[in-house]
Each structure stands twice: as structure tokens, then as C-alpha cells.
C-alpha atoms as a PDB file:
ATOM      1  CA  MET A   1       0.128   0.002  -0.147  1.00  0.00           C
ATOM      2  CA  SER A   2       1.575   3.246  -1.008  1.00  0.00           C
ATOM      3  CA  ALA A   3      -0.262   5.824   0.525  1.00  0.00           C
ATOM      4  CA  PRO A   4       0.743   4.600   3.958  1.00  0.00           C
ATOM      5  CA  LEU A   5       4.414   4.335   2.956  1.00  0.00           C
ATOM      6  CA  LYS A   6       4.920   7.800   1.691  1.00  0.00           C
ATOM      7  CA  GLY A   7       2.883   9.173   4.712  1.00  0.00           C
ATOM      8  CA  LEU A   8       5.217   7.244   6.715  1.00  0.00           C
ATOM      9  CA  VAL A   9       8.263   8.569   5.136  1.00  0.00           C
ATOM     10  CA  ASP A  10       6.820  12.208   5.137  1.00  0.00           C
ATOM     11  CA  ALA A  11       6.253  11.991   9.349  1.00  0.00           C
ATOM     12  CA  VAL A  12       9.376  10.115   9.843  1.00  0.00           C
ATOM     13  CA  ALA A  13      11.381  13.097   8.004  1.00  0.00           C
ATOM     14  CA  LYS A  14       9.886  15.942  10.354  1.00  0.00           C
ATOM     15  CA  SER A  15      11.873  14.552  13.076  1.00  0.00           C
ATOM     16  CA  ASP A  16      14.536  12.975  11.307  1.00  0.00           C
ATOM     17  CA  SER A  17      16.131  14.697   8.639  1.00  0.00           C
ATOM     18  CA  SER A  18      18.592  11.779   7.468  1.00  0.00           C
ATOM     19  CA  PRO A  19      16.942   8.552   8.589  1.00  0.00           C
ATOM     20  CA  LYS A  20      18.383   5.294   7.740  1.00  0.00           C
ATOM     21  CA  TRP A  21      15.470   3.231   6.822  1.00  0.00           C
ATOM     22  CA  ILE A  22      15.872  -0.673   6.926  1.00  0.00           C
ATOM     23  CA  PHE A  23      12.886  -2.319   5.934  1.00  0.00           C
ATOM     24  CA  VAL A  24      11.529  -5.654   6.799  1.00  0.00           C
ATOM     25  CA  GLY A  25      10.107  -7.521   3.937  1.00  0.00           C
ATOM     26  CA  ASP A  26       6.566  -8.008   2.045  1.00  0.00           C
ATOM     27  CA  TYR A  27       6.591  -5.075  -0.557  1.00  0.00           C
ATOM     28  CA  ILE A  28       4.141  -6.744  -2.856  1.00  0.00           C
ATOM     29  CA  ASN A  29       0.652  -8.657  -2.496  1.00  0.00           C
ATOM     30  CA  ARG A  30      -0.119  -5.804   0.285  1.00  0.00           C
ATOM     31  CA  GLY A  31      -2.807  -4.030  -1.492  1.00  0.00           C
ATOM     32  CA  PRO A  32      -3.703  -2.511  -4.763  1.00  0.00           C
ATOM     33  CA  ASP A  33      -0.652  -0.735  -5.486  1.00  0.00           C
ATOM     34  CA  SER A  34       2.553  -2.473  -5.418  1.00  0.00           C
ATOM     35  CA  ARG A  35       4.235  -1.448  -8.437  1.00  0.00           C
ATOM     36  CA  GLY A  36       3.750   2.074  -6.718  1.00  0.00           C
ATOM     37  CA  VAL A  37       5.136   0.785  -3.378  1.00  0.00           C
ATOM     38  CA  ILE A  38       8.518  -0.592  -5.083  1.00  0.00           C
ATOM     39  CA  ASP A  39       8.453   2.445  -7.536  1.00  0.00           C
ATOM     40  CA  PHE A  40       8.701   4.378  -4.364  1.00  0.00           C
ATOM     41  CA  LEU A  41      11.207   2.551  -2.449  1.00  0.00           C
ATOM     42  CA  LEU A  42      13.564   2.381  -5.165  1.00  0.00           C
ATOM     43  CA  LYS A  43      13.916   6.042  -5.291  1.00  0.00           C
ATOM     44  CA  LEU A  44      14.186   6.210  -1.529  1.00  0.00           C
ATOM     45  CA  PRO A  45      18.044   7.440  -0.931  1.00  0.00           C
ATOM     46  CA  GLY A  46      20.307   4.477   1.029  1.00  0.00           C
ATOM     47  CA  ALA A  47      17.143   2.350   1.994  1.00  0.00           C
ATOM     48  CA  ARG A  48      17.906  -1.266   2.481  1.00  0.00           C
ATOM     49  CA  PHE A  49      15.409  -4.039   2.126  1.00  0.00           C
ATOM     50  CA  CYS A  50      14.941  -7.950   3.876  1.00  0.00           C
ATOM     51  CA  ARG A  51      13.112 -10.566   2.001  1.00  0.00           C
ATOM     52  CA  GLY A  52       9.839 -11.326   2.729  1.00  0.00           C
ATOM     53  CA  ASN A  53       7.886 -14.875   2.078  1.00  0.00           C
ATOM     54  CA  HIS A  54       5.585 -12.718  -0.169  1.00  0.00           C
ATOM     55  CA  ASP A  55       8.714 -11.142  -2.075  1.00  0.00           C
ATOM     56  CA  ASP A  56      10.133 -14.982  -2.297  1.00  0.00           C
ATOM     57  CA  ILE A  57       7.359 -16.290  -4.211  1.00  0.00           C
ATOM     58  CA  PHE A  58       7.045 -13.162  -6.661  1.00  0.00           C
ATOM     59  CA  ASP A  59      10.632 -14.413  -7.267  1.00  0.00           C
ATOM     60  CA  VAL A  60       9.516 -17.372  -8.435  1.00  0.00           C
ATOM     61  CA  ILE A  61       6.629 -16.186 -10.813  1.00  0.00           C
ATOM     62  CA  LEU A  62       9.244 -13.454 -11.814  1.00  0.00           C
ATOM     63  CA  ASN A  63      12.739 -14.609 -12.262  1.00  0.00           C
ATOM     64  CA  GLY A  64      11.920 -18.769 -11.726  1.00  0.00           C
ATOM     65  CA  GLN A  65      14.400 -18.317  -8.600  1.00  0.00           C
ATOM     66  CA  SER A  66      13.686 -17.908  -4.837  1.00  0.00           C
ATOM     67  CA  TYR A  67      15.746 -18.370  -1.730  1.00  0.00           C
ATOM     68  CA  VAL A  68      13.340 -20.710   0.347  1.00  0.00           C
ATOM     69  CA  ASP A  69      13.209 -23.228  -3.137  1.00  0.00           C
ATOM     70  CA  GLN A  70      12.026 -26.085  -0.895  1.00  0.00           C
ATOM     71  CA  LEU A  71       8.141 -24.910  -1.060  1.00  0.00           C
ATOM     72  CA  THR A  72       7.749 -24.607  -4.443  1.00  0.00           C
ATOM     73  CA  ASN A  73      10.715 -26.296  -6.374  1.00  0.00           C
ATOM     74  CA  ASN A  74      10.869 -23.002  -8.249  1.00  0.00           C
ATOM     75  CA  ASN A  75       7.716 -24.421 -10.308  1.00  0.00           C
ATOM     76  CA  ARG A  76       6.855 -20.957 -11.760  1.00  0.00           C
ATOM     77  CA  TRP A  77       2.838 -22.153 -11.975  1.00  0.00           C
ATOM     78  CA  ALA A  78       2.811 -23.852  -8.434  1.00  0.00           C
ATOM     79  CA  ALA A  79       3.780 -20.181  -7.061  1.00  0.00           C
ATOM     80  CA  TYR A  80       1.216 -18.636  -9.529  1.00  0.00           C
ATOM     81  CA  LYS A  81      -1.658 -20.712  -8.109  1.00  0.00           C
ATOM     82  CA  TRP A  82      -0.795 -20.897  -4.955  1.00  0.00           C
ATOM     83  CA  PHE A  83      -0.572 -17.376  -3.792  1.00  0.00           C
ATOM     84  CA  MET A  84      -3.263 -15.820  -6.510  1.00  0.00           C
ATOM     85  CA  GLU A  85      -5.705 -15.991  -3.469  1.00  0.00           C
ATOM     86  CA  HIS A  86      -2.900 -14.221  -1.342  1.00  0.00           C
ATOM     87  CA  GLY A  87      -2.237 -10.812  -2.931  1.00  0.00           C
ATOM     88  CA  LEU A  88      -0.909 -11.721  -6.139  1.00  0.00           C
ATOM     89  CA  ARG A  89      -3.715 -10.872  -8.198  1.00  0.00           C
ATOM     90  CA  GLU A  90      -3.919  -7.365  -6.791  1.00  0.00           C
ATOM     91  CA  THR A  91      -0.172  -7.134  -7.514  1.00  0.00           C
ATOM     92  CA  LEU A  92       0.078  -8.295 -11.148  1.00  0.00           C
ATOM     93  CA  ALA A  93      -3.131  -5.806 -12.019  1.00  0.00           C
ATOM     94  CA  SER A  94      -0.845  -2.837 -10.256  1.00  0.00           C
ATOM     95  CA  TYR A  95       1.495  -3.642 -13.458  1.00  0.00           C
ATOM     96  CA  GLY A  96      -1.487  -3.663 -16.016  1.00  0.00           C
ATOM     97  CA  ALA A  97      -2.572  -7.402 -15.798  1.00  0.00           C
ATOM     98  CA  ASP A  98      -6.134  -8.226 -17.287  1.00  0.00           C
ATOM     99  CA  ASP A  99      -8.227 -10.168 -15.054  1.00  0.00           C
ATOM    100  CA  ALA A 100      -9.816 -12.396 -17.235  1.00  0.00           C
ATOM    101  CA  ALA A 101      -5.957 -13.259 -18.562  1.00  0.00           C
ATOM    102  CA  MET A 102      -5.116 -14.260 -15.058  1.00  0.00           C
ATOM    103  CA  ARG A 103      -8.119 -16.355 -14.638  1.00  0.00           C
ATOM    104  CA  ALA A 104      -7.122 -18.459 -18.105  1.00  0.00           C
ATOM    105  CA  VAL A 105      -3.636 -18.720 -16.559  1.00  0.00           C
ATOM    106  CA  LEU A 106      -5.305 -20.197 -13.813  1.00  0.00           C
ATOM    107  CA  ASP A 107      -7.269 -22.626 -16.063  1.00  0.00           C
ATOM    108  CA  HIS A 108      -4.933 -23.203 -18.657  1.00  0.00           C
ATOM    109  CA  PRO A 109      -1.011 -22.665 -17.549  1.00  0.00           C
ATOM    110  CA  THR A 110       1.340 -21.735 -20.293  1.00  0.00           C
ATOM    111  CA  SER A 111       4.208 -20.159 -20.381  1.00  0.00           C
ATOM    112  CA  SER A 112       3.585 -17.432 -22.710  1.00  0.00           C
ATOM    113  CA  GLY A 113       0.328 -16.831 -20.650  1.00  0.00           C
ATOM    114  CA  LEU A 114       2.394 -16.001 -17.791  1.00  0.00           C
ATOM    115  CA  GLU A 115       4.993 -14.158 -19.494  1.00  0.00           C
ATOM    116  CA  GLY A 116       2.177 -11.832 -20.798  1.00  0.00           C
ATOM    117  CA  LEU A 117       1.130 -11.352 -17.097  1.00  0.00           C
ATOM    118  CA  THR A 118       4.190 -10.225 -15.688  1.00  0.00           C
ATOM    119  CA  ALA A 119       5.598  -8.536 -18.851  1.00  0.00           C
ATOM    120  CA  ARG A 120       4.856  -5.138 -17.757  1.00  0.00           C
ATOM    121  CA  VAL A 121       7.146  -5.709 -14.989  1.00  0.00           C
ATOM    122  CA  PRO A 122       9.957  -3.208 -15.179  1.00  0.00           C
ATOM    123  CA  GLN A 123      13.368  -4.740 -14.979  1.00  0.00           C
ATOM    124  CA  ALA A 124      14.750  -2.445 -11.840  1.00  0.00           C
ATOM    125  CA  HIS A 125      11.332  -4.161  -9.980  1.00  0.00           C
ATOM    126  CA  ARG A 126      12.429  -7.551 -11.088  1.00  0.00           C
ATOM    127  CA  ASP A 127      16.211  -7.187  -9.808  1.00  0.00           C
ATOM    128  CA  PHE A 128      14.743  -5.418  -6.715  1.00  0.00           C
ATOM    129  CA  ILE A 129      13.103  -8.650  -5.997  1.00  0.00           C
ATOM    130  CA  ARG A 130      15.744 -11.115  -7.140  1.00  0.00           C
ATOM    131  CA  ASN A 131      18.122  -9.014  -4.703  1.00  0.00           C
ATOM    132  CA  LEU A 132      16.379  -8.943  -1.808  1.00  0.00           C
ATOM    133  CA  LEU A 133      18.441 -10.166   1.092  1.00  0.00           C
ATOM    134  CA  PRO A 134      17.427 -12.663   3.665  1.00  0.00           C
ATOM    135  CA  VAL A 135      19.275 -10.940   6.907  1.00  0.00           C
ATOM    136  CA  ILE A 136      20.335  -7.500   7.489  1.00  0.00           C
ATOM    137  CA  GLU A 137      22.992  -6.834  10.331  1.00  0.00           C
ATOM    138  CA  GLU A 138      24.124  -3.980  12.001  1.00  0.00           C
ATOM    139  CA  PRO A 139      26.663  -3.769  14.874  1.00  0.00           C
ATOM    140  CA  ASP A 140      23.567  -3.791  17.847  1.00  0.00           C
ATOM    141  CA  LEU A 141      20.587  -5.007  16.087  1.00  0.00           C
ATOM    142  CA  PHE A 142      19.286  -7.876  12.796  1.00  0.00           C
ATOM    143  CA  ILE A 143      16.498  -7.833  10.673  1.00  0.00           C
ATOM    144  CA  ILE A 144      14.907 -10.953   9.716  1.00  0.00           C
ATOM    145  CA  HIS A 145      11.569 -10.873   7.969  1.00  0.00           C
ATOM    146  CA  ALA A 146       9.682 -13.685  10.128  1.00  0.00           C
ATOM    147  CA  ARG A 147      11.791 -15.919  13.050  1.00  0.00           C
ATOM    148  CA  TRP A 148      15.042 -16.478  14.418  1.00  0.00           C
ATOM    149  CA  ASP A 149      14.689 -19.459  16.875  1.00  0.00           C
ATOM    150  CA  PRO A 150      15.540 -17.901  20.507  1.00  0.00           C
ATOM    151  CA  ALA A 151      18.479 -20.503  21.138  1.00  0.00           C
ATOM    152  CA  THR A 152      20.306 -19.747  18.016  1.00  0.00           C
ATOM    153  CA  PRO A 153      23.160 -17.199  18.288  1.00  0.00           C
ATOM    154  CA  ASP A 154      23.559 -13.913  16.459  1.00  0.00           C
ATOM    155  CA  GLU A 155      26.864 -14.004  16.329  1.00  0.00           C
ATOM    156  CA  ASP A 156      29.812 -16.103  15.651  1.00  0.00           C
ATOM    157  CA  PRO A 157      28.365 -17.181  13.465  1.00  0.00           C
ATOM    158  CA  SER A 158      26.147 -14.706  12.108  1.00  0.00           C
ATOM    159  CA  PRO A 159      22.600 -15.208  10.836  1.00  0.00           C
ATOM    160  CA  ALA A 160      24.065 -15.199   7.751  1.00  0.00           C
ATOM    161  CA  THR A 161      26.676 -17.692   8.105  1.00  0.00           C
ATOM    162  CA  PHE A 162      23.978 -20.186   9.513  1.00  0.00           C
ATOM    163  CA  LEU A 163      21.281 -19.204   6.669  1.00  0.00           C
ATOM    164  CA  ASP A 164      24.039 -19.902   3.722  1.00  0.00           C
ATOM    165  CA  VAL A 165      24.375 -23.410   4.833  1.00  0.00           C
ATOM    166  CA  ASP A 166      20.694 -24.251   6.416  1.00  0.00           C
ATOM    167  CA  ARG A 167      17.576 -24.650   4.336  1.00  0.00           C
ATOM    168  CA  ASP A 168      15.258 -25.131   6.903  1.00  0.00           C
ATOM    169  CA  LEU A 169      16.664 -22.292   8.676  1.00  0.00           C
ATOM    170  CA  ARG A 170      16.095 -20.142   5.470  1.00  0.00           C
ATOM    171  CA  LYS A 171      12.640 -21.450   5.555  1.00  0.00           C
ATOM    172  CA  THR A 172      11.984 -20.585   9.237  1.00  0.00           C
ATOM    173  CA  ALA A 173      13.834 -16.973   8.753  1.00  0.00           C
ATOM    174  CA  THR A 174      11.190 -16.268   5.585  1.00  0.00           C
ATOM    175  CA  TRP A 175       8.425 -17.990   6.922  1.00  0.00           C
ATOM    176  CA  GLY A 176       8.303 -18.798  10.610  1.00  0.00           C
ATOM    177  CA  ARG A 177       6.365 -17.714  13.369  1.00  0.00           C
ATOM    178  CA  PHE A 178       7.017 -16.994  16.873  1.00  0.00           C
ATOM    179  CA  ALA A 179       4.939 -18.363  19.722  1.00  0.00           C
ATOM    180  CA  PRO A 180       3.555 -15.877  22.005  1.00  0.00           C
ATOM    181  CA  ALA A 181       5.598 -17.697  24.933  1.00  0.00           C
ATOM    182  CA  GLU A 182       9.077 -16.853  22.985  1.00  0.00           C
ATOM    183  CA  VAL A 183       8.544 -12.978  22.788  1.00  0.00           C
ATOM    184  CA  ASP A 184       9.296 -12.710  26.537  1.00  0.00           C
ATOM    185  CA  GLN A 185      11.645 -15.834  26.577  1.00  0.00           C
ATOM    186  CA  PRO A 186      15.529 -15.255  27.167  1.00  0.00           C
ATOM    187  CA  LYS A 187      17.525 -15.311  24.082  1.00  0.00           C
ATOM    188  CA  THR A 188      21.153 -16.365  23.291  1.00  0.00           C
ATOM    189  CA  TRP A 189      21.468 -13.096  21.161  1.00  0.00           C
ATOM    190  CA  ARG A 190      23.656 -10.197  21.998  1.00  0.00           C
ATOM    191  CA  ARG A 191      21.825  -7.816  19.389  1.00  0.00           C
ATOM    192  CA  THR A 192      18.008  -6.908  19.638  1.00  0.00           C
ATOM    193  CA  GLY A 193      16.171  -8.431  16.434  1.00  0.00           C
ATOM    194  CA  PHE A 194      13.507  -7.050  14.537  1.00  0.00           C
ATOM    195  CA  PHE A 195      10.661  -8.695  12.574  1.00  0.00           C
ATOM    196  CA  GLY A 196       7.999  -8.646  10.537  1.00  0.00           C
ATOM    197  CA  HIS A 197       5.842 -11.353   9.064  1.00  0.00           C
ATOM    198  CA  THR A 198       3.563 -12.185  11.643  1.00  0.00           C
ATOM    199  CA  PRO A 199       0.773  -9.108  12.471  1.00  0.00           C
ATOM    200  CA  VAL A 200       0.550  -7.842  16.515  1.00  0.00           C
ATOM    201  CA  ASP A 201      -2.794  -9.047  17.268  1.00  0.00           C
ATOM    202  CA  TYR A 202      -1.522 -12.647  16.773  1.00  0.00           C
ATOM    203  CA  TYR A 203      -0.047 -12.037  20.207  1.00  0.00           C
ATOM    204  CA  GLY A 204      -3.324 -10.583  21.992  1.00  0.00           C
ATOM    205  CA  THR A 205      -3.283  -7.664  24.169  1.00  0.00           C
ATOM    206  CA  ARG A 206       0.801  -7.801  24.069  1.00  0.00           C
ATOM    207  CA  GLY A 207      -0.163  -6.230  21.130  1.00  0.00           C
ATOM    208  CA  GLY A 208      -2.050  -3.632  22.188  1.00  0.00           C
ATOM    209  CA  TYR A 209      -5.179  -5.214  21.152  1.00  0.00           C
ATOM    210  CA  SER A 210      -7.836  -8.033  22.246  1.00  0.00           C
ATOM    211  CA  VAL A 211     -10.909  -8.975  20.215  1.00  0.00           C
ATOM    212  CA  GLN A 212     -13.171  -8.476  22.955  1.00  0.00           C
ATOM    213  CA  GLY A 213     -11.834  -4.677  23.922  1.00  0.00           C
ATOM    214  CA  GLY A 214     -10.448  -3.644  20.625  1.00  0.00           C
ATOM    215  CA  GLY A 215      -7.393  -1.352  20.968  1.00  0.00           C
ATOM    216  CA  LYS A 216      -4.629  -0.150  18.697  1.00  0.00           C
ATOM    217  CA  LEU A 217      -2.384  -1.849  16.916  1.00  0.00           C
ATOM    218  CA  ILE A 218       1.362  -1.222  18.266  1.00  0.00           C
ATOM    219  CA  PRO A 219       4.641  -3.092  18.199  1.00  0.00           C
ATOM    220  CA  VAL A 220       5.417  -5.762  20.503  1.00  0.00           C
ATOM    221  CA  VAL A 221       8.584  -4.897  22.426  1.00  0.00           C
ATOM    222  CA  GLY A 222      10.015  -8.271  24.011  1.00  0.00           C
ATOM    223  CA  GLU A 223      13.279  -9.795  25.011  1.00  0.00           C
ATOM    224  CA  LYS A 224      16.136  -8.457  22.603  1.00  0.00           C
ATOM    225  CA  MET A 225      13.257  -8.301  19.915  1.00  0.00           C
ATOM    226  CA  VAL A 226      10.376  -6.412  18.484  1.00  0.00           C
ATOM    227  CA  LEU A 227       7.823  -7.305  16.036  1.00  0.00           C
ATOM    228  CA  LEU A 228       6.742  -4.704  13.661  1.00  0.00           C
ATOM    229  CA  ASP A 229       3.649  -6.126  11.532  1.00  0.00           C
ATOM    230  CA  THR A 230       0.860  -3.881  12.767  1.00  0.00           C
ATOM    231  CA  ALA A 231      -1.320  -5.008  10.006  1.00  0.00           C
ATOM    232  CA  VAL A 232      -1.904  -1.780   7.652  1.00  0.00           C
ATOM    233  CA  ALA A 233      -2.470  -4.153   4.704  1.00  0.00           C
ATOM    234  CA  LEU A 234      -4.673  -6.631   6.618  1.00  0.00           C
ATOM    235  CA  SER A 235      -7.364  -4.617   9.118  1.00  0.00           C
ATOM    236  CA  PRO A 236      -9.352  -1.570   8.978  1.00  0.00           C
ATOM    237  CA  VAL A 237      -7.700  -0.255  11.967  1.00  0.00           C
ATOM    238  CA  GLY A 238      -4.183  -1.518  11.209  1.00  0.00           C
ATOM    239  CA  ARG A 239      -1.077   0.642  11.089  1.00  0.00           C
ATOM    240  CA  LEU A 240       2.368   0.820   9.482  1.00  0.00           C
ATOM    241  CA  THR A 241       5.060   1.456  12.094  1.00  0.00           C
ATOM    242  CA  ALA A 242       8.446   3.014  11.533  1.00  0.00           C
ATOM    243  CA  TYR A 243      10.665   2.233  15.090  1.00  0.00           C
ATOM    244  CA  CYS A 244      13.654   3.877  15.880  1.00  0.00           C
ATOM    245  CA  PRO A 245      16.209   1.408  18.007  1.00  0.00           C
ATOM    246  CA  GLU A 246      18.038   4.313  19.325  1.00  0.00           C
ATOM    247  CA  THR A 247      15.259   5.981  21.388  1.00  0.00           C
ATOM    248  CA  SER A 248      12.612   3.085  21.515  1.00  0.00           C
ATOM    249  CA  SER A 249      10.162   4.808  20.109  1.00  0.00           C
ATOM    250  CA  TYR A 250       7.645   4.789  17.091  1.00  0.00           C
ATOM    251  CA  VAL A 251       5.619   6.572  14.525  1.00  0.00           C
ATOM    252  CA  GLN A 252       2.440   4.939  13.208  1.00  0.00           C
ATOM    253  CA  VAL A 253       0.399   6.136   9.946  1.00  0.00           C
ATOM    254  CA  ASP A 254      -2.963   4.530   9.525  1.00  0.00           C
ATOM    255  CA  ARG A 255      -4.173   3.026   5.802  1.00  0.00           C
ATOM    256  CA  GLN A 256      -4.756   6.767   4.431  1.00  0.00           C
ATOM    257  CA  GLY A 257      -1.377   7.795   5.576  1.00  0.00           C
ATOM    258  CA  HIS A 258      -2.164  10.142   8.647  1.00  0.00           C
ATOM    259  CA  VAL A 259      -0.474   9.831  11.699  1.00  0.00           C
ATOM    260  CA  VAL A 260      -2.166   8.282  14.749  1.00  0.00           C
END
């Protein structure tokens, strides 16, 4: 969703003239303007981007490659069919794909049909998806899209080293979910981990939200970890959040990009 993204960047700029942006993943399949989201991100100076599970599936469809290959075996048709009900329809529409053509490829998958659906995805966008990183590391923090096991160290070796050699860890880092009990569980990590993927309402009142009482969706801060998916694309009251690790403060906007 490009409106909250632009609103959030503008809101942060009012208090920080030179922010250092690091994003936790899922740039597509989250609303009607995936193309606009990537266009905007590509113009954001110095920003860095972690790979999300939706991005990984789009990589298969666009490039025939993925980071977690055991889920689709890099089969473009399987990935397409799987994610058509998880936001891919809206993503392809943002690039000009026709709904009738998308349905036709579902019914009769052909190489030429799929190529036609993705033909308008610019090379810069294909490269953006292909080059997304599984983990981003700083001296005092690390960023992974979905999950890092509390018992797995974050240094000596680093997550990047683990992920290079362990396919199962790659799947967990991109697709896994923290159990609620793990949020406050002691970690072997020295640094703080930042994660997206799982909306914070999954953690009930821990995310400032309860089904019975309602409430705001806010980041979940646990033992050496921060969960940042505040459900902007999945809930009418969802928020998009920017978190500052130096001050442990955050800024949020609603779906229209207004600060809340």
C-alpha cells in the first residue's frame, strides 16, 4: 500500500532529516498498488531491504528462482496458483495485468500466458526482488522477516552464515512465526532482533489489541526483540510502523497515511 508508506516516510522526515531506513519485507501482495510501493522504495536514498515470504514467491514467478526453494521447487505455475488468493492478483493488476487473462492462466497454464501477465514488470523491479537480502545486520541489531530461533546465536557465527548452509533455517527466517511464549523468552542473542511477517494482533493484548476490547495495533517489544507488523494491509484499523532503535520510539500512520 503506497499511501501509508509515503505518509510514514513524510512523518519521519519531520523529526529526522536523515533517517536510515531498513525494511523488514513483503513489498508486494499487500494492497492495490504494489508497483507504486516498489517505485517509491527504489527512489528512497540509502534504504535497505529484507526479503519477505511474499517477495520470495514473486521471485519465483518473475525469475524462476527463490530463496526458500523447498516450498515451490521454483515451479512458477505452482507459485502463481498458490498466491493468487494471497494478494498476487492485486499485485499483477498494479502492473497492468487483465483479470480475465489471470483467470485464463489459472485454468490453462502456459509459459506464454504467464510471461504475458508479467511482461510489464520493469527490469528494475525484477532486480529489486531478486536482490533482496535474507538478513540485514548492524553492530547492535539484526533484521529478519519472520523468525530467528531464540536458542540460535546471532553472532559467531552470524545469521547470514547459518542461513548460507541451512535450508531449514532459511525457511524459518522467511516463513516462521514466533510462539507467543517466545516473545519474552530469554534469547542467546547479544543484539536485538527486528521482525515482521506475523501481525501483532496474533499476540493478543501483547500487541495492544484484543478481540473483545479492541485497541490500537502497536509494536510488540519483547526480550531482545521487536515485532513490527501492525497489520496495515490486513485490518481496517491496521497501522504501518517505523521504529527507532536508538530511542525505542515509533511513528505510525493509518491506511490513508495519516499519523495516528
